[in-house]
Amino acid sequence: MLLDSNKVEQFLDTKGKGAKAQVGYDLTLKGVKQISGGVVLKDKTELEDYVDVMPTFTSNEKFLFQLQPGTYSLTFEQGIKLDANHTAFIRHRSSVLRCGGIITSGVYDPGFEVDEMGGVLIATQPIDIELGARVAQVIIFENSTAELYDGQWQKDKDVK
């Protein structure tokens, strides 16, 4: 079952930012890095160094990430802590999709905890995104009790 926004918010550390949506919570953009590739092995993932993308201060006094077509790692201001009965996904808001961007995430498994969620933006066209803009939405599904995540990317775990 897909949870409503009131139930989704209970799993989040919103830091007072973002907004409730009908069946999710809008996430606000904190940072952008360009993805440079990597290697997926049987027991871990090795990433090439991501390249920081710095926002530009524009003449209309906004900080904009000015992105060319490519693949980017996004960091959101909100964190999440899931229990054994819930799984989360991140999807783009329609405003980003209309500009030629697709935002998605891997599965946020039961037991996953992180201070700042992340996702991937595939930009098919040049797109400018303001720092702090609501660009994605986290949705959470209820699932039968599952074994808790304890993988490579868990909060407070050494990255391999």
N, C-alpha and C. Protein backbone atom coordinates (compact mmCIF):
# COMPACT_ATOMS: atom_id res chain seq x y z
N MET A 1 0.84 -1.17 0.00
CA MET A 1 0.00 0.00 0.00
C MET A 1 0.89 1.24 0.00
N LEU A 2 0.54 2.21 -0.83
CA LEU A 2 1.24 3.49 -0.91
C LEU A 2 0.74 4.39 0.22
N LEU A 3 1.65 4.93 1.01
CA LEU A 3 1.28 5.75 2.15
C LEU A 3 0.90 7.17 1.74
N ASP A 4 0.03 7.82 2.55
CA ASP A 4 -0.28 9.22 2.31
C ASP A 4 0.83 10.09 2.91
N SER A 5 0.77 11.38 2.62
CA SER A 5 1.86 12.28 3.01
C SER A 5 2.05 12.38 4.52
N ASN A 6 0.98 12.28 5.28
CA ASN A 6 1.11 12.36 6.74
C ASN A 6 1.91 11.18 7.28
N LYS A 7 1.70 9.99 6.73
CA LYS A 7 2.45 8.82 7.17
C LYS A 7 3.88 8.86 6.64
N VAL A 8 4.07 9.34 5.42
CA VAL A 8 5.42 9.45 4.86
C VAL A 8 6.27 10.38 5.72
N GLU A 9 5.71 11.49 6.13
CA GLU A 9 6.45 12.49 6.90
C GLU A 9 7.00 11.92 8.21
N GLN A 10 6.34 10.92 8.77
CA GLN A 10 6.79 10.32 10.03
C GLN A 10 8.15 9.63 9.90
N PHE A 11 8.55 9.26 8.69
CA PHE A 11 9.82 8.58 8.46
C PHE A 11 10.95 9.55 8.09
N LEU A 12 10.61 10.82 7.95
CA LEU A 12 11.56 11.80 7.43
C LEU A 12 12.09 12.74 8.50
N ASP A 13 13.30 13.22 8.26
CA ASP A 13 13.83 14.38 8.96
C ASP A 13 13.78 15.49 7.92
N THR A 14 12.72 16.30 7.96
CA THR A 14 12.49 17.30 6.91
C THR A 14 13.35 18.53 7.07
N LYS A 15 13.90 18.74 8.27
CA LYS A 15 14.69 19.94 8.57
C LYS A 15 13.89 21.21 8.27
N GLY A 16 12.55 21.09 8.34
CA GLY A 16 11.68 22.24 8.11
C GLY A 16 11.59 22.67 6.66
N LYS A 17 12.03 21.81 5.74
CA LYS A 17 12.04 22.17 4.32
C LYS A 17 11.24 21.15 3.54
N GLY A 18 10.87 21.50 2.32
CA GLY A 18 10.06 20.62 1.50
C GLY A 18 8.59 20.86 1.78
N ALA A 19 7.75 19.93 1.31
CA ALA A 19 6.31 20.10 1.49
C ALA A 19 5.61 18.77 1.30
N LYS A 20 4.51 18.61 2.02
CA LYS A 20 3.68 17.42 1.85
C LYS A 20 3.03 17.44 0.47
N ALA A 21 2.93 16.29 -0.14
CA ALA A 21 2.15 16.09 -1.36
C ALA A 21 1.07 15.08 -1.00
N GLN A 22 0.22 14.72 -1.91
CA GLN A 22 -0.88 13.82 -1.57
C GLN A 22 -0.38 12.48 -1.05
N VAL A 23 0.54 11.86 -1.75
CA VAL A 23 1.04 10.53 -1.36
C VAL A 23 2.55 10.50 -1.22
N GLY A 24 3.12 11.61 -0.88
CA GLY A 24 4.57 11.66 -0.71
C GLY A 24 4.98 12.96 -0.07
N TYR A 25 6.27 13.25 -0.17
CA TYR A 25 6.81 14.49 0.39
C TYR A 25 7.79 15.06 -0.61
N ASP A 26 7.63 16.35 -0.93
CA ASP A 26 8.52 17.01 -1.89
C ASP A 26 9.88 17.26 -1.25
N LEU A 27 10.92 16.90 -1.97
CA LEU A 27 12.30 17.03 -1.51
C LEU A 27 12.96 18.26 -2.14
N THR A 28 13.80 18.93 -1.36
CA THR A 28 14.45 20.16 -1.81
C THR A 28 15.93 19.90 -2.11
N LEU A 29 16.40 20.54 -3.16
CA LEU A 29 17.75 20.31 -3.67
C LEU A 29 18.81 21.02 -2.84
N LYS A 30 19.78 20.24 -2.38
CA LYS A 30 20.90 20.78 -1.61
C LYS A 30 22.19 20.84 -2.42
N GLY A 31 22.44 19.82 -3.24
CA GLY A 31 23.69 19.77 -3.98
C GLY A 31 23.60 18.92 -5.22
N VAL A 32 24.54 19.18 -6.14
CA VAL A 32 24.60 18.46 -7.42
C VAL A 32 26.04 18.09 -7.72
N LYS A 33 26.22 16.85 -8.17
CA LYS A 33 27.53 16.39 -8.64
C LYS A 33 27.33 15.66 -9.96
N GLN A 34 28.28 15.83 -10.87
CA GLN A 34 28.19 15.10 -12.13
C GLN A 34 28.77 13.71 -11.95
N ILE A 35 28.05 12.72 -12.44
CA ILE A 35 28.47 11.32 -12.32
C ILE A 35 29.47 11.00 -13.42
N SER A 36 30.58 10.35 -13.04
CA SER A 36 31.67 10.07 -13.96
C SER A 36 31.83 8.59 -14.29
N GLY A 37 30.94 7.73 -13.77
CA GLY A 37 31.04 6.30 -14.06
C GLY A 37 31.50 5.51 -12.86
N GLY A 38 31.73 4.22 -13.07
CA GLY A 38 32.15 3.35 -11.98
C GLY A 38 32.13 1.90 -12.38
N VAL A 39 32.27 1.03 -11.38
CA VAL A 39 32.30 -0.41 -11.60
C VAL A 39 31.36 -1.07 -10.58
N VAL A 40 30.49 -1.94 -11.05
CA VAL A 40 29.61 -2.70 -10.17
C VAL A 40 30.18 -4.12 -10.09
N LEU A 41 30.63 -4.49 -8.88
CA LEU A 41 31.21 -5.80 -8.63
C LEU A 41 30.21 -6.68 -7.87
N LYS A 42 30.55 -7.94 -7.69
CA LYS A 42 29.66 -8.86 -6.97
C LYS A 42 29.37 -8.40 -5.55
N ASP A 43 30.37 -7.85 -4.87
CA ASP A 43 30.22 -7.55 -3.45
C ASP A 43 30.26 -6.06 -3.10
N LYS A 44 30.45 -5.19 -4.07
CA LYS A 44 30.47 -3.75 -3.79
C LYS A 44 30.43 -2.96 -5.09
N THR A 45 30.26 -1.66 -4.94
CA THR A 45 30.29 -0.74 -6.07
C THR A 45 31.45 0.22 -5.88
N GLU A 46 32.23 0.42 -6.92
CA GLU A 46 33.33 1.38 -6.88
C GLU A 46 33.00 2.51 -7.85
N LEU A 47 32.99 3.73 -7.34
CA LEU A 47 32.61 4.88 -8.15
C LEU A 47 33.81 5.73 -8.52
N GLU A 48 33.77 6.25 -9.73
CA GLU A 48 34.73 7.29 -10.10
C GLU A 48 34.37 8.53 -9.27
N ASP A 49 35.33 9.41 -9.06
CA ASP A 49 35.04 10.62 -8.30
C ASP A 49 33.97 11.44 -9.02
N TYR A 50 32.96 11.83 -8.26
CA TYR A 50 31.94 12.73 -8.81
C TYR A 50 32.53 14.13 -8.85
N VAL A 51 32.04 14.94 -9.79
CA VAL A 51 32.52 16.31 -9.94
C VAL A 51 31.47 17.27 -9.40
N ASP A 52 31.86 18.08 -8.41
CA ASP A 52 30.93 19.06 -7.84
C ASP A 52 30.45 20.03 -8.91
N VAL A 53 29.17 20.31 -8.89
CA VAL A 53 28.59 21.36 -9.73
C VAL A 53 28.19 22.48 -8.78
N MET A 54 28.76 23.64 -8.98
CA MET A 54 28.48 24.76 -8.09
C MET A 54 27.36 25.62 -8.68
N PRO A 55 26.47 26.10 -7.83
CA PRO A 55 25.42 26.98 -8.35
C PRO A 55 26.01 28.34 -8.71
N THR A 56 25.39 28.97 -9.68
CA THR A 56 25.79 30.29 -10.13
C THR A 56 24.82 31.32 -9.57
N PHE A 57 25.35 32.41 -9.04
CA PHE A 57 24.51 33.50 -8.56
C PHE A 57 24.12 34.33 -9.77
N THR A 58 22.84 34.42 -10.04
CA THR A 58 22.36 35.08 -11.25
C THR A 58 22.01 36.54 -10.99
N SER A 59 21.77 37.28 -12.06
CA SER A 59 21.43 38.70 -11.96
C SER A 59 20.10 38.93 -11.24
N ASN A 60 19.23 37.92 -11.22
CA ASN A 60 17.97 38.07 -10.49
C ASN A 60 18.07 37.49 -9.08
N GLU A 61 19.32 37.41 -8.58
CA GLU A 61 19.63 37.05 -7.19
C GLU A 61 19.15 35.66 -6.80
N LYS A 62 19.36 34.71 -7.69
CA LYS A 62 19.05 33.31 -7.40
C LYS A 62 20.31 32.49 -7.60
N PHE A 63 20.46 31.42 -6.81
CA PHE A 63 21.54 30.46 -7.03
C PHE A 63 20.99 29.34 -7.88
N LEU A 64 21.51 29.21 -9.11
CA LEU A 64 21.02 28.20 -10.05
C LEU A 64 22.11 27.20 -10.40
N PHE A 65 21.74 25.91 -10.39
CA PHE A 65 22.59 24.89 -10.98
C PHE A 65 22.25 24.89 -12.46
N GLN A 66 23.22 25.23 -13.29
CA GLN A 66 23.00 25.30 -14.73
C GLN A 66 23.58 24.03 -15.35
N LEU A 67 22.69 23.09 -15.66
CA LEU A 67 23.10 21.74 -16.04
C LEU A 67 22.92 21.49 -17.52
N GLN A 68 23.94 20.90 -18.11
CA GLN A 68 23.88 20.47 -19.50
C GLN A 68 23.38 19.02 -19.53
N PRO A 69 22.97 18.52 -20.70
CA PRO A 69 22.56 17.11 -20.76
C PRO A 69 23.64 16.20 -20.17
N GLY A 70 23.21 15.28 -19.32
CA GLY A 70 24.14 14.38 -18.65
C GLY A 70 23.48 13.72 -17.47
N THR A 71 24.29 13.06 -16.65
CA THR A 71 23.79 12.33 -15.49
C THR A 71 24.41 12.92 -14.23
N TYR A 72 23.55 13.19 -13.25
CA TYR A 72 23.97 13.91 -12.05
C TYR A 72 23.48 13.20 -10.79
N SER A 73 24.29 13.27 -9.75
CA SER A 73 23.91 12.80 -8.42
C SER A 73 23.34 14.00 -7.67
N LEU A 74 22.14 13.84 -7.15
CA LEU A 74 21.49 14.92 -6.40
C LEU A 74 21.49 14.60 -4.91
N THR A 75 21.72 15.60 -4.10
CA THR A 75 21.59 15.47 -2.65
C THR A 75 20.42 16.35 -2.24
N PHE A 76 19.53 15.77 -1.44
CA PHE A 76 18.37 16.50 -0.94
C PHE A 76 18.59 16.88 0.52
N GLU A 77 17.88 17.87 0.98
CA GLU A 77 18.05 18.35 2.35
C GLU A 77 17.43 17.42 3.39
N GLN A 78 16.54 16.54 2.98
CA GLN A 78 15.80 15.69 3.89
C GLN A 78 16.47 14.33 4.09
N GLY A 79 16.33 13.81 5.31
CA GLY A 79 16.82 12.48 5.64
C GLY A 79 15.67 11.51 5.82
N ILE A 80 16.00 10.23 5.96
CA ILE A 80 14.97 9.20 6.10
C ILE A 80 15.47 8.10 7.03
N LYS A 81 14.54 7.47 7.73
CA LYS A 81 14.85 6.30 8.55
C LYS A 81 13.66 5.34 8.42
N LEU A 82 13.91 4.22 7.75
CA LEU A 82 12.84 3.25 7.48
C LEU A 82 12.88 2.09 8.46
N ASP A 83 11.72 1.56 8.77
CA ASP A 83 11.63 0.37 9.61
C ASP A 83 11.52 -0.87 8.71
N ALA A 84 11.28 -2.02 9.32
CA ALA A 84 11.26 -3.29 8.59
C ALA A 84 10.03 -3.47 7.71
N ASN A 85 9.05 -2.57 7.82
CA ASN A 85 7.80 -2.73 7.06
C ASN A 85 7.58 -1.65 6.01
N HIS A 86 8.65 -0.91 5.64
CA HIS A 86 8.47 0.15 4.66
C HIS A 86 9.66 0.26 3.70
N THR A 87 9.34 0.59 2.46
CA THR A 87 10.31 0.75 1.39
C THR A 87 10.02 2.07 0.68
N ALA A 88 11.06 2.82 0.31
CA ALA A 88 10.86 4.14 -0.30
C ALA A 88 11.52 4.22 -1.68
N PHE A 89 10.98 5.15 -2.48
CA PHE A 89 11.50 5.46 -3.80
C PHE A 89 11.42 6.97 -4.00
N ILE A 90 12.31 7.50 -4.83
CA ILE A 90 12.28 8.92 -5.17
C ILE A 90 11.95 9.04 -6.65
N ARG A 91 11.05 9.97 -6.95
CA ARG A 91 10.63 10.24 -8.33
C ARG A 91 10.67 11.75 -8.57
N HIS A 92 10.83 12.12 -9.82
CA HIS A 92 10.84 13.54 -10.19
C HIS A 92 9.45 14.15 -10.01
N ARG A 93 9.42 15.44 -9.79
CA ARG A 93 8.18 16.19 -9.86
C ARG A 93 7.91 16.48 -11.34
N SER A 94 6.67 16.73 -11.68
CA SER A 94 6.31 16.93 -13.08
C SER A 94 6.98 18.15 -13.68
N SER A 95 7.28 19.17 -12.86
CA SER A 95 7.95 20.37 -13.37
C SER A 95 9.33 20.03 -13.93
N VAL A 96 10.05 19.12 -13.29
CA VAL A 96 11.37 18.69 -13.78
C VAL A 96 11.21 17.87 -15.06
N LEU A 97 10.23 16.99 -15.08
CA LEU A 97 9.97 16.16 -16.26
C LEU A 97 9.65 17.02 -17.47
N ARG A 98 8.86 18.07 -17.28
CA ARG A 98 8.50 18.96 -18.41
C ARG A 98 9.71 19.71 -18.94
N CYS A 99 10.77 19.83 -18.14
CA CYS A 99 12.00 20.50 -18.59
C CYS A 99 13.00 19.51 -19.21
N GLY A 100 12.62 18.24 -19.29
CA GLY A 100 13.51 17.24 -19.89
C GLY A 100 14.36 16.49 -18.89
N GLY A 101 13.99 16.53 -17.60
CA GLY A 101 14.76 15.84 -16.57
C GLY A 101 14.00 14.68 -15.97
N ILE A 102 14.72 13.62 -15.67
CA ILE A 102 14.15 12.45 -15.01
C ILE A 102 14.94 12.23 -13.73
N ILE A 103 14.25 12.21 -12.59
CA ILE A 103 14.90 11.94 -11.31
C ILE A 103 14.37 10.63 -10.78
N THR A 104 15.27 9.78 -10.35
CA THR A 104 14.91 8.49 -9.79
C THR A 104 15.90 8.13 -8.68
N SER A 105 15.63 7.01 -8.04
CA SER A 105 16.55 6.52 -7.02
C SER A 105 16.58 5.01 -7.09
N GLY A 106 17.56 4.44 -6.42
CA GLY A 106 17.51 3.02 -6.17
C GLY A 106 16.44 2.78 -5.12
N VAL A 107 16.27 1.54 -4.73
CA VAL A 107 15.32 1.19 -3.68
C VAL A 107 15.89 1.61 -2.34
N TYR A 108 15.11 2.35 -1.56
CA TYR A 108 15.46 2.63 -0.17
C TYR A 108 14.87 1.48 0.64
N ASP A 109 15.72 0.50 0.96
CA ASP A 109 15.30 -0.75 1.58
C ASP A 109 14.85 -0.56 3.03
N PRO A 110 14.02 -1.50 3.53
CA PRO A 110 13.67 -1.49 4.94
C PRO A 110 14.94 -1.45 5.81
N GLY A 111 14.94 -0.58 6.82
CA GLY A 111 16.09 -0.43 7.70
C GLY A 111 17.09 0.61 7.24
N PHE A 112 16.91 1.16 6.05
CA PHE A 112 17.86 2.16 5.55
C PHE A 112 17.68 3.46 6.32
N GLU A 113 18.80 4.09 6.65
CA GLU A 113 18.79 5.36 7.35
C GLU A 113 19.89 6.25 6.79
N VAL A 114 19.54 7.51 6.52
CA VAL A 114 20.51 8.45 6.00
C VAL A 114 20.07 9.87 6.37
N ASP A 115 21.04 10.75 6.63
CA ASP A 115 20.73 12.14 7.01
C ASP A 115 20.25 12.97 5.83
N GLU A 116 20.72 12.65 4.62
CA GLU A 116 20.33 13.38 3.41
C GLU A 116 20.11 12.36 2.30
N MET A 117 18.88 12.29 1.80
CA MET A 117 18.59 11.36 0.71
C MET A 117 19.25 11.83 -0.57
N GLY A 118 19.39 10.92 -1.50
CA GLY A 118 19.96 11.24 -2.79
C GLY A 118 19.23 10.56 -3.91
N GLY A 119 19.42 11.05 -5.08
CA GLY A 119 18.82 10.47 -6.28
C GLY A 119 19.69 10.79 -7.48
N VAL A 120 19.24 10.35 -8.63
CA VAL A 120 19.97 10.59 -9.87
C VAL A 120 19.08 11.37 -10.83
N LEU A 121 19.65 12.41 -11.42
CA LEU A 121 18.97 13.19 -12.45
C LEU A 121 19.58 12.86 -13.79
N ILE A 122 18.75 12.47 -14.73
CA ILE A 122 19.17 12.33 -16.12
C ILE A 122 18.59 13.52 -16.86
N ALA A 123 19.46 14.43 -17.27
CA ALA A 123 19.03 15.64 -17.98
C ALA A 123 19.16 15.39 -19.48
N THR A 124 18.04 15.40 -20.18
CA THR A 124 18.06 15.19 -21.62
C THR A 124 18.20 16.51 -22.38
N GLN A 125 17.96 17.61 -21.68
CA GLN A 125 18.06 18.96 -22.23
C GLN A 125 18.77 19.83 -21.20
N PRO A 126 19.31 20.98 -21.62
CA PRO A 126 19.85 21.91 -20.62
C PRO A 126 18.73 22.30 -19.65
N ILE A 127 19.05 22.35 -18.37
CA ILE A 127 18.05 22.68 -17.35
C ILE A 127 18.72 23.46 -16.23
N ASP A 128 18.07 24.52 -15.80
CA ASP A 128 18.54 25.31 -14.66
C ASP A 128 17.63 24.97 -13.48
N ILE A 129 18.23 24.68 -12.32
CA ILE A 129 17.46 24.35 -11.12
C ILE A 129 17.98 25.20 -9.97
N GLU A 130 17.06 25.86 -9.29
CA GLU A 130 17.44 26.73 -8.18
C GLU A 130 17.79 25.91 -6.95
N LEU A 131 18.84 26.32 -6.26
CA LEU A 131 19.22 25.74 -4.99
C LEU A 131 18.01 25.82 -4.04
N GLY A 132 17.64 24.72 -3.42
CA GLY A 132 16.51 24.69 -2.51
C GLY A 132 15.17 24.43 -3.17
N ALA A 133 15.14 24.29 -4.49
CA ALA A 133 13.87 24.04 -5.19
C ALA A 133 13.34 22.64 -4.88
N ARG A 134 12.01 22.51 -4.88
CA ARG A 134 11.37 21.21 -4.72
C ARG A 134 11.39 20.53 -6.08
N VAL A 135 12.23 19.49 -6.23
CA VAL A 135 12.43 18.87 -7.53
C VAL A 135 12.00 17.41 -7.59
N ALA A 136 11.87 16.76 -6.44
CA ALA A 136 11.56 15.34 -6.41
C ALA A 136 10.59 15.06 -5.28
N GLN A 137 10.07 13.84 -5.27
CA GLN A 137 9.14 13.43 -4.23
C GLN A 137 9.52 12.03 -3.76
N VAL A 138 9.55 11.84 -2.43
CA VAL A 138 9.78 10.51 -1.89
C VAL A 138 8.41 9.90 -1.63
N ILE A 139 8.25 8.65 -2.05
CA ILE A 139 7.03 7.89 -1.79
C ILE A 139 7.42 6.63 -1.03
N ILE A 140 6.54 6.20 -0.15
CA ILE A 140 6.84 5.04 0.70
C ILE A 140 5.71 4.03 0.60
N PHE A 141 6.10 2.77 0.44
CA PHE A 141 5.16 1.66 0.39
C PHE A 141 5.29 0.83 1.65
N GLU A 142 4.17 0.32 2.12
CA GLU A 142 4.18 -0.64 3.21
C GLU A 142 4.46 -2.02 2.62
N ASN A 143 5.30 -2.80 3.29
CA ASN A 143 5.62 -4.15 2.83
C ASN A 143 5.57 -5.11 4.02
N SER A 144 5.54 -6.40 3.74
CA SER A 144 5.63 -7.37 4.82
C SER A 144 6.98 -7.22 5.49
N THR A 145 7.08 -7.65 6.73
CA THR A 145 8.32 -7.48 7.50
C THR A 145 9.50 -8.08 6.74
N ALA A 146 10.54 -7.27 6.58
CA ALA A 146 11.71 -7.68 5.81
C ALA A 146 12.96 -7.59 6.67
N GLU A 147 13.99 -8.30 6.24
CA GLU A 147 15.29 -8.19 6.88
C GLU A 147 15.79 -6.77 6.67
N LEU A 148 16.44 -6.19 7.68
CA LEU A 148 16.88 -4.81 7.59
C LEU A 148 18.14 -4.67 6.76
N TYR A 149 18.23 -3.56 6.02
CA TYR A 149 19.38 -3.23 5.20
C TYR A 149 20.61 -3.03 6.08
N ASP A 150 21.73 -3.58 5.65
CA ASP A 150 23.00 -3.40 6.35
C ASP A 150 24.13 -3.39 5.32
N GLY A 151 23.91 -2.66 4.25
CA GLY A 151 24.84 -2.70 3.13
C GLY A 151 25.87 -1.60 3.13
N GLN A 152 26.52 -1.47 2.00
CA GLN A 152 27.65 -0.58 1.80
C GLN A 152 27.33 0.88 2.08
N TRP A 153 26.12 1.33 1.85
CA TRP A 153 25.80 2.74 1.92
C TRP A 153 25.04 3.13 3.18
N GLN A 154 24.96 2.22 4.16
CA GLN A 154 24.22 2.51 5.40
C GLN A 154 24.89 3.65 6.17
N LYS A 155 24.06 4.49 6.79
CA LYS A 155 24.55 5.59 7.63
C LYS A 155 25.49 5.04 8.69
N ASP A 156 26.54 5.78 8.98
CA ASP A 156 27.52 5.44 10.02
C ASP A 156 28.29 4.16 9.72
N LYS A 157 28.30 3.73 8.48
CA LYS A 157 29.07 2.54 8.12
C LYS A 157 30.21 2.99 7.23
N ASP A 158 31.37 2.39 7.39
CA ASP A 158 32.50 2.75 6.54
C ASP A 158 32.20 2.36 5.11
N VAL A 159 32.45 3.29 4.17
CA VAL A 159 32.25 3.01 2.76
C VAL A 159 33.42 2.15 2.28
N LYS A 160 33.11 1.07 1.60
CA LYS A 160 34.14 0.13 1.13
C LYS A 160 34.78 0.63 -0.15
